[in-house]
Amino acid sequence: MAQVVMYTTSWCPYCRAAKSFFASKKVDFTEIDVTEEPKLRVEMERLSGRRTVPQIFIGGKPIGGYDDALSLDASGELEELLNGAPGTS
């Protein structure tokens, strides 16, 4: 299974929802809390091109935030990314 990394803040409701979503799918993820870490937020912005949280990466590829993860799940693409299907990593 591809590695999932999620940049979050402690106060963000979408971050909590994204963490619950991946937990409900029994997907392990690494959380990087940028609440009080400006350098980590800068890193997140550099890697994703976005300023909002959460920012989710699967297999090193930025997929966006919570709504993006739900869209990928609905289309079946999330499972492909998680399983490292050819052409998705």
N, C-alpha and C. Protein backbone atom coordinates (compact mmCIF):
# COMPACT_ATOMS: atom_id res chain seq x y z
N MET A 1 0.84 -1.18 0.00
CA MET A 1 0.00 0.00 0.00
C MET A 1 0.88 1.24 0.00
N ALA A 2 0.50 2.22 -0.79
CA ALA A 2 1.26 3.46 -0.90
C ALA A 2 1.22 4.23 0.42
N GLN A 3 2.30 4.96 0.70
CA GLN A 3 2.36 5.76 1.91
C GLN A 3 1.45 6.98 1.78
N VAL A 4 0.70 7.26 2.83
CA VAL A 4 -0.19 8.42 2.88
C VAL A 4 0.36 9.39 3.91
N VAL A 5 0.55 10.64 3.49
CA VAL A 5 1.02 11.70 4.37
C VAL A 5 -0.01 12.81 4.32
N MET A 6 -0.37 13.33 5.50
CA MET A 6 -1.39 14.36 5.58
C MET A 6 -0.88 15.53 6.42
N TYR A 7 -0.84 16.71 5.80
CA TYR A 7 -0.50 17.94 6.52
C TYR A 7 -1.79 18.49 7.10
N THR A 8 -1.79 18.80 8.40
CA THR A 8 -3.01 19.22 9.09
C THR A 8 -2.72 20.38 10.05
N THR A 9 -3.80 20.91 10.60
CA THR A 9 -3.71 21.80 11.76
C THR A 9 -4.64 21.22 12.83
N SER A 10 -4.40 21.62 14.07
CA SER A 10 -5.17 21.06 15.18
C SER A 10 -6.62 21.54 15.21
N TRP A 11 -6.91 22.67 14.59
CA TRP A 11 -8.24 23.27 14.69
C TRP A 11 -9.11 23.07 13.45
N CYS A 12 -8.61 22.44 12.42
CA CYS A 12 -9.29 22.35 11.13
C CYS A 12 -10.32 21.21 11.10
N PRO A 13 -11.61 21.52 10.87
CA PRO A 13 -12.63 20.46 10.79
C PRO A 13 -12.44 19.54 9.58
N TYR A 14 -11.91 20.07 8.49
CA TYR A 14 -11.67 19.22 7.32
C TYR A 14 -10.51 18.26 7.57
N CYS A 15 -9.56 18.68 8.38
CA CYS A 15 -8.45 17.79 8.76
C CYS A 15 -8.99 16.63 9.58
N ARG A 16 -9.84 16.94 10.55
CA ARG A 16 -10.43 15.88 11.38
C ARG A 16 -11.25 14.93 10.51
N ALA A 17 -12.01 15.49 9.57
CA ALA A 17 -12.82 14.65 8.68
C ALA A 17 -11.94 13.76 7.81
N ALA A 18 -10.85 14.31 7.30
CA ALA A 18 -9.95 13.52 6.45
C ALA A 18 -9.31 12.39 7.25
N LYS A 19 -8.89 12.70 8.47
CA LYS A 19 -8.29 11.65 9.31
C LYS A 19 -9.30 10.55 9.61
N SER A 20 -10.53 10.93 9.90
CA SER A 20 -11.58 9.94 10.16
C SER A 20 -11.88 9.11 8.91
N PHE A 21 -11.91 9.79 7.77
CA PHE A 21 -12.18 9.10 6.51
C PHE A 21 -11.14 8.01 6.24
N PHE A 22 -9.85 8.36 6.34
CA PHE A 22 -8.81 7.37 6.08
C PHE A 22 -8.80 6.28 7.15
N ALA A 23 -9.07 6.65 8.40
CA ALA A 23 -9.14 5.65 9.46
C ALA A 23 -10.29 4.68 9.20
N SER A 24 -11.43 5.19 8.71
CA SER A 24 -12.58 4.32 8.43
C SER A 24 -12.28 3.34 7.29
N LYS A 25 -11.36 3.74 6.42
CA LYS A 25 -10.95 2.86 5.32
C LYS A 25 -9.79 1.96 5.74
N LYS A 26 -9.39 2.08 7.02
CA LYS A 26 -8.28 1.31 7.58
C LYS A 26 -6.97 1.57 6.84
N VAL A 27 -6.76 2.85 6.50
CA VAL A 27 -5.54 3.28 5.82
C VAL A 27 -4.66 4.01 6.83
N ASP A 28 -3.47 3.48 7.05
CA ASP A 28 -2.52 4.16 7.92
C ASP A 28 -1.99 5.40 7.22
N PHE A 29 -1.75 6.45 8.00
CA PHE A 29 -1.20 7.67 7.43
C PHE A 29 -0.27 8.33 8.43
N THR A 30 0.62 9.13 7.91
CA THR A 30 1.51 9.94 8.72
C THR A 30 0.94 11.35 8.74
N GLU A 31 0.74 11.87 9.94
CA GLU A 31 0.21 13.23 10.08
C GLU A 31 1.34 14.19 10.40
N ILE A 32 1.36 15.29 9.67
CA ILE A 32 2.31 16.37 9.93
C ILE A 32 1.50 17.60 10.31
N ASP A 33 1.53 17.94 11.60
CA ASP A 33 0.75 19.06 12.12
C ASP A 33 1.54 20.34 11.93
N VAL A 34 0.99 21.26 11.14
CA VAL A 34 1.68 22.51 10.83
C VAL A 34 1.15 23.68 11.66
N THR A 35 0.33 23.38 12.67
CA THR A 35 -0.30 24.43 13.47
C THR A 35 0.70 25.45 13.99
N GLU A 36 1.76 24.99 14.60
CA GLU A 36 2.75 25.88 15.20
C GLU A 36 4.13 25.69 14.58
N GLU A 37 4.15 25.23 13.33
CA GLU A 37 5.41 24.94 12.64
C GLU A 37 5.44 25.64 11.29
N PRO A 38 5.79 26.93 11.27
CA PRO A 38 5.81 27.67 10.00
C PRO A 38 6.68 27.02 8.92
N LYS A 39 7.79 26.42 9.31
CA LYS A 39 8.67 25.77 8.31
C LYS A 39 7.97 24.59 7.65
N LEU A 40 7.20 23.84 8.44
CA LEU A 40 6.47 22.71 7.87
C LEU A 40 5.34 23.18 6.95
N ARG A 41 4.72 24.30 7.30
CA ARG A 41 3.67 24.85 6.43
C ARG A 41 4.28 25.30 5.10
N VAL A 42 5.45 25.92 5.15
CA VAL A 42 6.15 26.34 3.93
C VAL A 42 6.48 25.11 3.09
N GLU A 43 6.94 24.05 3.75
CA GLU A 43 7.23 22.80 3.03
C GLU A 43 5.97 22.26 2.36
N MET A 44 4.85 22.26 3.09
CA MET A 44 3.58 21.79 2.54
C MET A 44 3.20 22.59 1.31
N GLU A 45 3.31 23.91 1.40
CA GLU A 45 2.95 24.78 0.28
C GLU A 45 3.86 24.53 -0.92
N ARG A 46 5.13 24.32 -0.66
CA ARG A 46 6.08 24.06 -1.75
C ARG A 46 5.75 22.74 -2.45
N LEU A 47 5.44 21.72 -1.66
CA LEU A 47 5.18 20.39 -2.23
C LEU A 47 3.82 20.29 -2.92
N SER A 48 2.82 21.00 -2.38
CA SER A 48 1.46 20.85 -2.92
C SER A 48 1.05 21.99 -3.83
N GLY A 49 1.69 23.15 -3.67
CA GLY A 49 1.26 24.33 -4.41
C GLY A 49 0.00 24.94 -3.84
N ARG A 50 -0.38 24.51 -2.65
CA ARG A 50 -1.60 25.00 -2.00
C ARG A 50 -1.29 25.45 -0.58
N ARG A 51 -2.14 26.36 -0.07
CA ARG A 51 -1.95 26.90 1.28
C ARG A 51 -2.92 26.32 2.30
N THR A 52 -3.99 25.68 1.84
CA THR A 52 -5.02 25.19 2.75
C THR A 52 -4.69 23.81 3.29
N VAL A 53 -5.28 23.49 4.42
CA VAL A 53 -5.15 22.16 5.00
C VAL A 53 -6.52 21.50 5.03
N PRO A 54 -6.57 20.18 5.00
CA PRO A 54 -5.43 19.30 4.90
C PRO A 54 -4.87 19.24 3.48
N GLN A 55 -3.62 18.88 3.38
CA GLN A 55 -3.02 18.52 2.10
C GLN A 55 -2.60 17.07 2.24
N ILE A 56 -3.06 16.25 1.32
CA ILE A 56 -2.88 14.81 1.39
C ILE A 56 -2.00 14.36 0.23
N PHE A 57 -1.04 13.51 0.55
CA PHE A 57 -0.13 12.95 -0.44
C PHE A 57 -0.25 11.43 -0.37
N ILE A 58 -0.34 10.81 -1.52
CA ILE A 58 -0.37 9.36 -1.60
C ILE A 58 0.76 8.92 -2.51
N GLY A 59 1.67 8.13 -1.96
CA GLY A 59 2.83 7.72 -2.73
C GLY A 59 3.65 8.90 -3.20
N GLY A 60 3.67 9.98 -2.40
CA GLY A 60 4.43 11.17 -2.74
C GLY A 60 3.72 12.12 -3.68
N LYS A 61 2.55 11.74 -4.18
CA LYS A 61 1.80 12.57 -5.12
C LYS A 61 0.75 13.39 -4.37
N PRO A 62 0.71 14.71 -4.57
CA PRO A 62 -0.34 15.50 -3.90
C PRO A 62 -1.70 15.23 -4.54
N ILE A 63 -2.68 14.94 -3.70
CA ILE A 63 -4.03 14.71 -4.23
C ILE A 63 -4.98 15.83 -3.86
N GLY A 64 -4.54 16.74 -2.98
CA GLY A 64 -5.39 17.84 -2.55
C GLY A 64 -5.86 17.63 -1.13
N GLY A 65 -7.10 18.06 -0.86
CA GLY A 65 -7.63 18.01 0.49
C GLY A 65 -8.72 16.96 0.66
N TYR A 66 -9.51 17.16 1.69
CA TYR A 66 -10.56 16.21 2.05
C TYR A 66 -11.57 16.00 0.92
N ASP A 67 -12.08 17.08 0.35
CA ASP A 67 -13.06 16.96 -0.73
C ASP A 67 -12.47 16.23 -1.93
N ASP A 68 -11.19 16.48 -2.20
CA ASP A 68 -10.52 15.80 -3.32
C ASP A 68 -10.42 14.30 -3.04
N ALA A 69 -10.12 13.94 -1.79
CA ALA A 69 -10.04 12.52 -1.42
C ALA A 69 -11.40 11.85 -1.61
N LEU A 70 -12.47 12.54 -1.22
CA LEU A 70 -13.81 11.97 -1.40
C LEU A 70 -14.14 11.78 -2.88
N SER A 71 -13.77 12.75 -3.71
CA SER A 71 -14.01 12.63 -5.15
C SER A 71 -13.24 11.46 -5.74
N LEU A 72 -11.99 11.32 -5.33
CA LEU A 72 -11.19 10.19 -5.82
C LEU A 72 -11.78 8.86 -5.36
N ASP A 73 -12.30 8.83 -4.14
CA ASP A 73 -12.92 7.61 -3.63
C ASP A 73 -14.17 7.27 -4.45
N ALA A 74 -14.98 8.26 -4.72
CA ALA A 74 -16.22 8.04 -5.48
C ALA A 74 -15.94 7.51 -6.89
N SER A 75 -14.83 7.95 -7.47
CA SER A 75 -14.50 7.53 -8.84
C SER A 75 -13.72 6.22 -8.89
N GLY A 76 -13.29 5.73 -7.72
CA GLY A 76 -12.49 4.50 -7.67
C GLY A 76 -11.00 4.75 -7.80
N GLU A 77 -10.62 5.99 -8.07
CA GLU A 77 -9.20 6.30 -8.25
C GLU A 77 -8.42 6.25 -6.94
N LEU A 78 -9.08 6.52 -5.82
CA LEU A 78 -8.36 6.50 -4.54
C LEU A 78 -7.79 5.12 -4.27
N GLU A 79 -8.58 4.10 -4.49
CA GLU A 79 -8.12 2.73 -4.27
C GLU A 79 -6.93 2.40 -5.17
N GLU A 80 -6.98 2.87 -6.42
CA GLU A 80 -5.86 2.66 -7.34
C GLU A 80 -4.59 3.33 -6.83
N LEU A 81 -4.74 4.59 -6.36
CA LEU A 81 -3.58 5.29 -5.81
C LEU A 81 -3.01 4.59 -4.59
N LEU A 82 -3.91 4.17 -3.71
CA LEU A 82 -3.47 3.49 -2.49
C LEU A 82 -2.76 2.17 -2.79
N ASN A 83 -3.21 1.50 -3.84
CA ASN A 83 -2.61 0.24 -4.21
C ASN A 83 -1.44 0.38 -5.17
N GLY A 84 -1.11 1.64 -5.52
CA GLY A 84 0.03 1.88 -6.38
C GLY A 84 -0.16 1.34 -7.78
N ALA A 85 -1.38 1.47 -8.31
CA ALA A 85 -1.65 0.98 -9.66
C ALA A 85 -0.74 1.67 -10.66
N PRO A 86 -0.34 0.97 -11.74
CA PRO A 86 0.51 1.58 -12.75
C PRO A 86 -0.07 2.87 -13.28
N GLY A 87 0.80 3.87 -13.41
CA GLY A 87 0.37 5.13 -13.96
C GLY A 87 -0.23 6.10 -12.94
N THR A 88 -0.38 5.65 -11.69
CA THR A 88 -0.95 6.53 -10.67
C THR A 88 0.06 6.99 -9.64
N SER A 89 1.25 6.42 -9.66
CA SER A 89 2.22 6.81 -8.64
C SER A 89 3.32 7.66 -9.21
